[in-house]
Every structure is written in C-alpha cells, then in structure tokens.
Amino acid sequence: MIEEIIGQPVLYLMTNTNLTTDRSGIVVILKELSEVRNPESISKINVRNLAD
C-alpha cells in the first residue's frame, strides 16, 4: 500500500510495538530518494561538525 501511495519501491519495512506504553513505530526504507515539495526547508547538517 505504501508503494502505491507514494509511487516508490519499498526495500524494507520495520515495525515495533511496545505493549507496556501502547506505542508503535514504523520505519520504511525506500529504494530511491523521494522528491520533496520544498527542498530548501530540509535542514542541512555538516557531518564533520558533529565530531567536535
């Protein structure tokens, strides 16, 4: 269903549910990068600065 909605092939789908907290999570790994409506709104992180 995800592939049909976003029009991208899904490589992996990982889910986890914690019955104690009643929380669930889903991580979807796509085969290709998706287009975004506003690429300027995505924050850019300089990985080299993370080590400092």
C-alpha atoms as a PDB file:
ATOM      1  CA  MET A   1       0.000   0.000   0.000  1.00  0.00           C
ATOM      2  CA  ILE A   2       2.896   2.412   0.745  1.00  0.00           C
ATOM      3  CA  GLU A   3       4.365   1.830  -2.711  1.00  0.00           C
ATOM      4  CA  GLU A   4       1.016   2.588  -4.342  1.00  0.00           C
ATOM      5  CA  ILE A   5       0.519   5.799  -2.373  1.00  0.00           C
ATOM      6  CA  ILE A   6       3.988   7.319  -2.772  1.00  0.00           C
ATOM      7  CA  GLY A   7       4.895   5.712  -6.093  1.00  0.00           C
ATOM      8  CA  GLN A   8       8.289   4.488  -4.819  1.00  0.00           C
ATOM      9  CA  PRO A   9       9.553   0.927  -4.308  1.00  0.00           C
ATOM     10  CA  VAL A  10       9.975  -0.081  -0.647  1.00  0.00           C
ATOM     11  CA  LEU A  11      13.113  -2.075   0.235  1.00  0.00           C
ATOM     12  CA  TYR A  12      12.446  -2.676   3.930  1.00  0.00           C
ATOM     13  CA  LEU A  13       9.584  -2.187   6.339  1.00  0.00           C
ATOM     14  CA  MET A  14      10.383  -2.445  10.049  1.00  0.00           C
ATOM     15  CA  THR A  15       7.779  -2.265  12.820  1.00  0.00           C
ATOM     16  CA  ASN A  16       7.881  -2.429  16.591  1.00  0.00           C
ATOM     17  CA  THR A  17       5.136  -2.289  19.206  1.00  0.00           C
ATOM     18  CA  ASN A  18       5.573  -1.758  22.931  1.00  0.00           C
ATOM     19  CA  LEU A  19       2.536  -3.185  24.731  1.00  0.00           C
ATOM     20  CA  THR A  20       3.535  -1.511  28.002  1.00  0.00           C
ATOM     21  CA  THR A  21       3.392   2.021  26.564  1.00  0.00           C
ATOM     22  CA  ASP A  22       0.868   1.283  23.775  1.00  0.00           C
ATOM     23  CA  ARG A  23       3.237   2.834  21.233  1.00  0.00           C
ATOM     24  CA  SER A  24       4.101   1.576  17.777  1.00  0.00           C
ATOM     25  CA  GLY A  25       6.699   2.658  15.260  1.00  0.00           C
ATOM     26  CA  ILE A  26       7.195   2.011  11.573  1.00  0.00           C
ATOM     27  CA  VAL A  27      10.376   2.677   9.585  1.00  0.00           C
ATOM     28  CA  VAL A  28      10.211   2.456   5.801  1.00  0.00           C
ATOM     29  CA  ILE A  29      13.405   2.293   3.724  1.00  0.00           C
ATOM     30  CA  LEU A  30      12.820   3.379   0.136  1.00  0.00           C
ATOM     31  CA  LYS A  31      14.794   2.202  -2.868  1.00  0.00           C
ATOM     32  CA  GLU A  32      15.285   5.765  -4.126  1.00  0.00           C
ATOM     33  CA  LEU A  33      15.147   9.257  -2.671  1.00  0.00           C
ATOM     34  CA  SER A  34      11.724  10.834  -2.861  1.00  0.00           C
ATOM     35  CA  GLU A  35      11.096  14.242  -4.305  1.00  0.00           C
ATOM     36  CA  VAL A  36      10.120  16.841  -1.736  1.00  0.00           C
ATOM     37  CA  ARG A  37       7.869  19.801  -2.297  1.00  0.00           C
ATOM     38  CA  ASN A  38      10.268  22.314  -0.783  1.00  0.00           C
ATOM     39  CA  PRO A  39      13.867  21.007  -0.629  1.00  0.00           C
ATOM     40  CA  GLU A  40      15.060  24.298   0.912  1.00  0.00           C
ATOM     41  CA  SER A  41      13.020  23.552   4.051  1.00  0.00           C
ATOM     42  CA  ILE A  42      15.107  20.445   4.863  1.00  0.00           C
ATOM     43  CA  SER A  43      17.831  21.256   7.348  1.00  0.00           C
ATOM     44  CA  LYS A  44      21.368  20.552   6.222  1.00  0.00           C
ATOM     45  CA  ILE A  45      23.784  19.087   8.767  1.00  0.00           C
ATOM     46  CA  ASN A  46      27.526  19.237   8.347  1.00  0.00           C
ATOM     47  CA  VAL A  47      28.649  15.769   9.469  1.00  0.00           C
ATOM     48  CA  ARG A  48      32.206  16.941  10.069  1.00  0.00           C
ATOM     49  CA  ASN A  49      30.984  19.340  12.774  1.00  0.00           C
ATOM     50  CA  LEU A  50      29.256  16.535  14.698  1.00  0.00           C
ATOM     51  CA  ALA A  51      32.633  15.106  15.817  1.00  0.00           C
ATOM     52  CA  ASP A  52      33.617  18.409  17.502  1.00  0.00           C
END
